[in-house]
PDB file of all heavy atoms in Angstrom:
ATOM      1  N   MET A   1      -1.371 -11.022   5.062  1.00  0.00           N
ATOM      2  CA  MET A   1      -0.936 -10.649   6.358  1.00  0.00           C
ATOM      3  C   MET A   1      -1.632 -11.518   7.405  1.00  0.00           C
ATOM      4  O   MET A   1      -2.741 -11.921   7.156  1.00  0.00           O
ATOM      5  CB  MET A   1      -1.127  -9.176   6.606  1.00  0.00           C
ATOM      6  CG  MET A   1      -0.371  -8.291   5.552  1.00  0.00           C
ATOM      7  SD  MET A   1      -0.935  -6.544   5.626  1.00  0.00           S
ATOM      8  CE  MET A   1      -2.453  -6.644   4.699  1.00  0.00           C
ATOM      9  N   PRO A   2      -1.085 -11.659   8.602  1.00  0.00           N
ATOM     10  CA  PRO A   2      -1.714 -12.418   9.637  1.00  0.00           C
ATOM     11  C   PRO A   2      -2.995 -11.767  10.209  1.00  0.00           C
ATOM     12  O   PRO A   2      -3.848 -12.460  10.667  1.00  0.00           O
ATOM     13  CB  PRO A   2      -0.691 -12.607  10.765  1.00  0.00           C
ATOM     14  CG  PRO A   2       0.345 -11.521  10.440  1.00  0.00           C
ATOM     15  CD  PRO A   2       0.281 -11.192   9.002  1.00  0.00           C
ATOM     16  N   TYR A   3      -3.127 -10.444  10.085  1.00  0.00           N
ATOM     17  CA  TYR A   3      -4.321  -9.795  10.625  1.00  0.00           C
ATOM     18  C   TYR A   3      -4.423  -8.398   9.971  1.00  0.00           C
ATOM     19  O   TYR A   3      -3.435  -7.888   9.424  1.00  0.00           O
ATOM     20  CB  TYR A   3      -4.346  -9.698  12.161  1.00  0.00           C
ATOM     21  CG  TYR A   3      -3.028  -9.242  12.715  1.00  0.00           C
ATOM     22  CD1 TYR A   3      -2.680  -7.930  12.843  1.00  0.00           C
ATOM     23  CD2 TYR A   3      -2.101 -10.272  13.101  1.00  0.00           C
ATOM     24  CE1 TYR A   3      -1.456  -7.576  13.375  1.00  0.00           C
ATOM     25  CE2 TYR A   3      -0.893  -9.865  13.625  1.00  0.00           C
ATOM     26  CZ  TYR A   3      -0.537  -8.537  13.746  1.00  0.00           C
ATOM     27  OH  TYR A   3       0.648  -8.164  14.281  1.00  0.00           O
ATOM     28  N   ALA A   4      -5.619  -7.824   9.983  1.00  0.00           N
ATOM     29  CA  ALA A   4      -5.863  -6.495   9.505  1.00  0.00           C
ATOM     30  C   ALA A   4      -5.753  -5.477  10.625  1.00  0.00           C
ATOM     31  O   ALA A   4      -6.480  -5.606  11.628  1.00  0.00           O
ATOM     32  CB  ALA A   4      -7.232  -6.464   8.817  1.00  0.00           C
ATOM     33  N   GLU A   5      -4.864  -4.571  10.468  1.00  0.00           N
ATOM     34  CA  GLU A   5      -4.680  -3.504  11.500  1.00  0.00           C
ATOM     35  C   GLU A   5      -3.955  -2.354  10.830  1.00  0.00           C
ATOM     36  O   GLU A   5      -3.592  -2.371   9.629  1.00  0.00           O
ATOM     37  CB  GLU A   5      -4.074  -4.013  12.787  1.00  0.00           C
ATOM     38  CG  GLU A   5      -2.845  -4.885  12.562  1.00  0.00           C
ATOM     39  CD  GLU A   5      -1.602  -4.056  12.470  1.00  0.00           C
ATOM     40  OE1 GLU A   5      -1.344  -3.181  13.269  1.00  0.00           O
ATOM     41  OE2 GLU A   5      -0.756  -4.377  11.558  1.00  0.00           O
ATOM     42  N   THR A   6      -3.705  -1.266  11.612  1.00  0.00           N
ATOM     43  CA  THR A   6      -3.179  -0.037  11.027  1.00  0.00           C
ATOM     44  C   THR A   6      -1.850  -0.201  10.323  1.00  0.00           C
ATOM     45  O   THR A   6      -1.706   0.249   9.185  1.00  0.00           O
ATOM     46  CB  THR A   6      -3.058   1.039  12.135  1.00  0.00           C
ATOM     47  OG1 THR A   6      -4.358   1.198  12.732  1.00  0.00           O
ATOM     48  CG2 THR A   6      -2.572   2.347  11.590  1.00  0.00           C
ATOM     49  N   SER A   7      -0.915  -0.838  10.946  1.00  0.00           N
ATOM     50  CA  SER A   7       0.370  -1.003  10.276  1.00  0.00           C
ATOM     51  C   SER A   7       0.335  -1.858   9.044  1.00  0.00           C
ATOM     52  O   SER A   7       1.041  -1.570   8.028  1.00  0.00           O
ATOM     53  CB  SER A   7       1.444  -1.548  11.248  1.00  0.00           C
ATOM     54  OG  SER A   7       1.150  -2.871  11.667  1.00  0.00           O
ATOM     55  N   ALA A   8      -0.548  -2.813   9.014  1.00  0.00           N
ATOM     56  CA  ALA A   8      -0.727  -3.607   7.800  1.00  0.00           C
ATOM     57  C   ALA A   8      -1.320  -2.777   6.711  1.00  0.00           C
ATOM     58  O   ALA A   8      -0.924  -2.904   5.527  1.00  0.00           O
ATOM     59  CB  ALA A   8      -1.660  -4.842   8.091  1.00  0.00           C
ATOM     60  N   MET A   9      -2.267  -1.924   7.027  1.00  0.00           N
ATOM     61  CA  MET A   9      -2.895  -1.056   6.033  1.00  0.00           C
ATOM     62  C   MET A   9      -1.851  -0.070   5.483  1.00  0.00           C
ATOM     63  O   MET A   9      -1.881   0.264   4.303  1.00  0.00           O
ATOM     64  CB  MET A   9      -4.078  -0.304   6.617  1.00  0.00           C
ATOM     65  CG  MET A   9      -4.892   0.466   5.605  1.00  0.00           C
ATOM     66  SD  MET A   9      -5.557  -0.608   4.335  1.00  0.00           S
ATOM     67  CE  MET A   9      -5.826   0.608   2.983  1.00  0.00           C
ATOM     68  N   GLN A  10      -0.958   0.435   6.315  1.00  0.00           N
ATOM     69  CA  GLN A  10       0.075   1.336   5.817  1.00  0.00           C
ATOM     70  C   GLN A  10       0.950   0.626   4.835  1.00  0.00           C
ATOM     71  O   GLN A  10       1.290   1.182   3.760  1.00  0.00           O
ATOM     72  CB  GLN A  10       0.960   1.889   6.985  1.00  0.00           C
ATOM     73  CG  GLN A  10       1.953   2.942   6.558  1.00  0.00           C
ATOM     74  CD  GLN A  10       1.272   4.156   5.980  1.00  0.00           C
ATOM     75  OE1 GLN A  10       0.384   4.721   6.639  1.00  0.00           O
ATOM     76  NE2 GLN A  10       1.635   4.572   4.818  1.00  0.00           N
ATOM     77  N   LEU A  11       1.319  -0.610   5.074  1.00  0.00           N
ATOM     78  CA  LEU A  11       2.069  -1.371   4.160  1.00  0.00           C
ATOM     79  C   LEU A  11       1.350  -1.547   2.793  1.00  0.00           C
ATOM     80  O   LEU A  11       1.924  -1.476   1.768  1.00  0.00           O
ATOM     81  CB  LEU A  11       2.459  -2.762   4.717  1.00  0.00           C
ATOM     82  CG  LEU A  11       3.481  -2.763   5.868  1.00  0.00           C
ATOM     83  CD1 LEU A  11       3.575  -4.139   6.488  1.00  0.00           C
ATOM     84  CD2 LEU A  11       4.818  -2.234   5.395  1.00  0.00           C
ATOM     85  N   HIS A  12       0.055  -1.805   2.925  1.00  0.00           N
ATOM     86  CA  HIS A  12      -0.763  -1.971   1.738  1.00  0.00           C
ATOM     87  C   HIS A  12      -0.835  -0.673   0.922  1.00  0.00           C
ATOM     88  O   HIS A  12      -0.646  -0.711  -0.293  1.00  0.00           O
ATOM     89  CB  HIS A  12      -2.173  -2.427   2.084  1.00  0.00           C
ATOM     90  CG  HIS A  12      -3.017  -2.844   0.934  1.00  0.00           C
ATOM     91  ND1 HIS A  12      -4.278  -2.399   0.758  1.00  0.00           N
ATOM     92  CD2 HIS A  12      -2.781  -3.607  -0.076  1.00  0.00           C
ATOM     93  CE1 HIS A  12      -4.773  -2.822  -0.320  1.00  0.00           C
ATOM     94  NE2 HIS A  12      -3.863  -3.593  -0.897  1.00  0.00           N
ATOM     95  N   ARG A  13      -1.008   0.431   1.549  1.00  0.00           N
ATOM     96  CA  ARG A  13      -1.017   1.710   0.828  1.00  0.00           C
ATOM     97  C   ARG A  13       0.271   1.928   0.093  1.00  0.00           C
ATOM     98  O   ARG A  13       0.312   2.377  -1.032  1.00  0.00           O
ATOM     99  CB  ARG A  13      -1.301   2.897   1.782  1.00  0.00           C
ATOM    100  CG  ARG A  13      -2.726   2.987   2.193  1.00  0.00           C
ATOM    101  CD  ARG A  13      -2.913   4.170   3.128  1.00  0.00           C
ATOM    102  NE  ARG A  13      -4.302   4.250   3.547  1.00  0.00           N
ATOM    103  CZ  ARG A  13      -4.806   5.219   4.230  1.00  0.00           C
ATOM    104  NH1 ARG A  13      -4.011   6.226   4.592  1.00  0.00           N
ATOM    105  NH2 ARG A  13      -6.073   5.219   4.609  1.00  0.00           N
ATOM    106  N   GLU A  14       1.403   1.616   0.758  1.00  0.00           N
ATOM    107  CA  GLU A  14       2.685   1.802   0.160  1.00  0.00           C
ATOM    108  C   GLU A  14       2.882   0.877  -1.008  1.00  0.00           C
ATOM    109  O   GLU A  14       3.481   1.246  -2.038  1.00  0.00           O
ATOM    110  CB  GLU A  14       3.769   1.585   1.231  1.00  0.00           C
ATOM    111  CG  GLU A  14       3.824   2.767   2.229  1.00  0.00           C
ATOM    112  CD  GLU A  14       4.643   2.413   3.492  1.00  0.00           C
ATOM    113  OE1 GLU A  14       5.292   1.311   3.543  1.00  0.00           O
ATOM    114  OE2 GLU A  14       4.553   3.222   4.481  1.00  0.00           O
ATOM    115  N   GLU A  15       2.376  -0.357  -0.907  1.00  0.00           N
ATOM    116  CA  GLU A  15       2.463  -1.327  -2.034  1.00  0.00           C
ATOM    117  C   GLU A  15       1.631  -0.815  -3.226  1.00  0.00           C
ATOM    118  O   GLU A  15       2.111  -0.885  -4.380  1.00  0.00           O
ATOM    119  CB  GLU A  15       2.003  -2.715  -1.553  1.00  0.00           C
ATOM    120  CG  GLU A  15       2.044  -3.776  -2.618  1.00  0.00           C
ATOM    121  CD  GLU A  15       3.437  -4.112  -3.148  1.00  0.00           C
ATOM    122  OE1 GLU A  15       4.420  -3.732  -2.500  1.00  0.00           O
ATOM    123  OE2 GLU A  15       3.520  -4.818  -4.193  1.00  0.00           O
ATOM    124  N   ILE A  16       0.452  -0.341  -2.975  1.00  0.00           N
ATOM    125  CA  ILE A  16      -0.364   0.214  -4.072  1.00  0.00           C
ATOM    126  C   ILE A  16       0.361   1.366  -4.710  1.00  0.00           C
ATOM    127  O   ILE A  16       0.469   1.446  -5.911  1.00  0.00           O
ATOM    128  CB  ILE A  16      -1.764   0.656  -3.509  1.00  0.00           C
ATOM    129  CG1 ILE A  16      -2.550  -0.565  -3.044  1.00  0.00           C
ATOM    130  CG2 ILE A  16      -2.515   1.405  -4.608  1.00  0.00           C
ATOM    131  CD1 ILE A  16      -3.725  -0.188  -2.221  1.00  0.00           C
ATOM    132  N   SER A  17       0.834   2.293  -3.862  1.00  0.00           N
ATOM    133  CA  SER A  17       1.544   3.474  -4.407  1.00  0.00           C
ATOM    134  C   SER A  17       2.705   3.097  -5.308  1.00  0.00           C
ATOM    135  O   SER A  17       2.965   3.650  -6.354  1.00  0.00           O
ATOM    136  CB  SER A  17       2.064   4.313  -3.249  1.00  0.00           C
ATOM    137  OG  SER A  17       2.813   5.401  -3.698  1.00  0.00           O
ATOM    138  N   ARG A  18       3.401   2.018  -4.869  1.00  0.00           N
ATOM    139  CA  ARG A  18       4.578   1.541  -5.660  1.00  0.00           C
ATOM    140  C   ARG A  18       4.204   1.016  -7.069  1.00  0.00           C
ATOM    141  O   ARG A  18       4.955   1.146  -7.978  1.00  0.00           O
ATOM    142  CB  ARG A  18       5.279   0.413  -4.826  1.00  0.00           C
ATOM    143  CG  ARG A  18       6.614  -0.039  -5.432  1.00  0.00           C
ATOM    144  CD  ARG A  18       7.149  -1.245  -4.636  1.00  0.00           C
ATOM    145  NE  ARG A  18       6.318  -2.410  -4.772  1.00  0.00           N
ATOM    146  CZ  ARG A  18       6.262  -3.190  -5.856  1.00  0.00           C
ATOM    147  NH1 ARG A  18       6.939  -2.846  -6.956  1.00  0.00           N
ATOM    148  NH2 ARG A  18       5.478  -4.222  -5.905  1.00  0.00           N
ATOM    149  N   THR A  19       3.000   0.494  -7.205  1.00  0.00           N
ATOM    150  CA  THR A  19       2.547  -0.058  -8.442  1.00  0.00           C
ATOM    151  C   THR A  19       1.937   1.009  -9.423  1.00  0.00           C
ATOM    152  O   THR A  19       1.668   0.653 -10.574  1.00  0.00           O
ATOM    153  CB  THR A  19       1.559  -1.178  -8.300  1.00  0.00           C
ATOM    154  OG1 THR A  19       0.329  -0.688  -7.742  1.00  0.00           O
ATOM    155  CG2 THR A  19       2.114  -2.297  -7.378  1.00  0.00           C
ATOM    156  N   VAL A  20       1.656   2.222  -8.915  1.00  0.00           N
ATOM    157  CA  VAL A  20       1.103   3.251  -9.758  1.00  0.00           C
ATOM    158  C   VAL A  20       2.165   3.771 -10.687  1.00  0.00           C
ATOM    159  O   VAL A  20       3.270   4.030 -10.252  1.00  0.00           O
ATOM    160  CB  VAL A  20       0.537   4.398  -8.855  1.00  0.00           C
ATOM    161  CG1 VAL A  20       0.077   5.576  -9.747  1.00  0.00           C
ATOM    162  CG2 VAL A  20      -0.582   3.868  -7.984  1.00  0.00           C
ATOM    163  N   ALA A  21       1.867   3.880 -11.957  1.00  0.00           N
ATOM    164  CA  ALA A  21       2.848   4.319 -12.935  1.00  0.00           C
ATOM    165  C   ALA A  21       3.386   5.718 -12.592  1.00  0.00           C
ATOM    166  O   ALA A  21       2.630   6.567 -12.073  1.00  0.00           O
ATOM    167  CB  ALA A  21       2.186   4.366 -14.335  1.00  0.00           C
ATOM    168  N   ARG A  22       4.600   5.913 -12.911  1.00  0.00           N
ATOM    169  CA  ARG A  22       5.254   7.226 -12.632  1.00  0.00           C
ATOM    170  C   ARG A  22       4.448   8.361 -13.336  1.00  0.00           C
ATOM    171  O   ARG A  22       4.113   8.233 -14.509  1.00  0.00           O
ATOM    172  CB  ARG A  22       6.679   7.187 -13.080  1.00  0.00           C
ATOM    173  CG  ARG A  22       7.428   8.462 -12.734  1.00  0.00           C
ATOM    174  CD  ARG A  22       8.843   8.367 -13.233  1.00  0.00           C
ATOM    175  NE  ARG A  22       9.537   9.467 -12.603  1.00  0.00           N
ATOM    176  CZ  ARG A  22      10.756   9.379 -12.045  1.00  0.00           C
ATOM    177  NH1 ARG A  22      11.380   8.252 -12.108  1.00  0.00           N
ATOM    178  NH2 ARG A  22      11.299  10.459 -11.562  1.00  0.00           N
ATOM    179  N   GLY A  23       4.162   9.394 -12.610  1.00  0.00           N
ATOM    180  CA  GLY A  23       3.401  10.540 -13.125  1.00  0.00           C
ATOM    181  C   GLY A  23       1.873  10.325 -13.059  1.00  0.00           C
ATOM    182  O   GLY A  23       1.122  11.218 -13.398  1.00  0.00           O
ATOM    183  N   ALA A  24       1.433   9.119 -12.727  1.00  0.00           N
ATOM    184  CA  ALA A  24      -0.026   8.799 -12.651  1.00  0.00           C
ATOM    185  C   ALA A  24      -0.518   9.013 -11.226  1.00  0.00           C
ATOM    186  O   ALA A  24       0.269   9.189 -10.217  1.00  0.00           O
ATOM    187  CB  ALA A  24      -0.307   7.411 -13.105  1.00  0.00           C
ATOM    188  N   HIS A  25      -1.801   8.976 -11.042  1.00  0.00           N
ATOM    189  CA  HIS A  25      -2.450   9.078  -9.747  1.00  0.00           C
ATOM    190  C   HIS A  25      -3.534   8.045  -9.661  1.00  0.00           C
ATOM    191  O   HIS A  25      -4.243   7.824 -10.648  1.00  0.00           O
ATOM    192  CB  HIS A  25      -3.039  10.553  -9.606  1.00  0.00           C
ATOM    193  CG  HIS A  25      -3.377  10.881  -8.226  1.00  0.00           C
ATOM    194  ND1 HIS A  25      -2.422  11.420  -7.331  1.00  0.00           N
ATOM    195  CD2 HIS A  25      -4.476  10.764  -7.494  1.00  0.00           C
ATOM    196  CE1 HIS A  25      -3.043  11.642  -6.165  1.00  0.00           C
ATOM    197  NE2 HIS A  25      -4.284  11.236  -6.249  1.00  0.00           N
TER     198      HIS A  25
END
């Protein structure tokens, strides 16, 4: 991303969440 800020971090959390196996945490 061009810079680190709140909306970028939200996108990152969503990307991490997407890669977590179904049923895992």
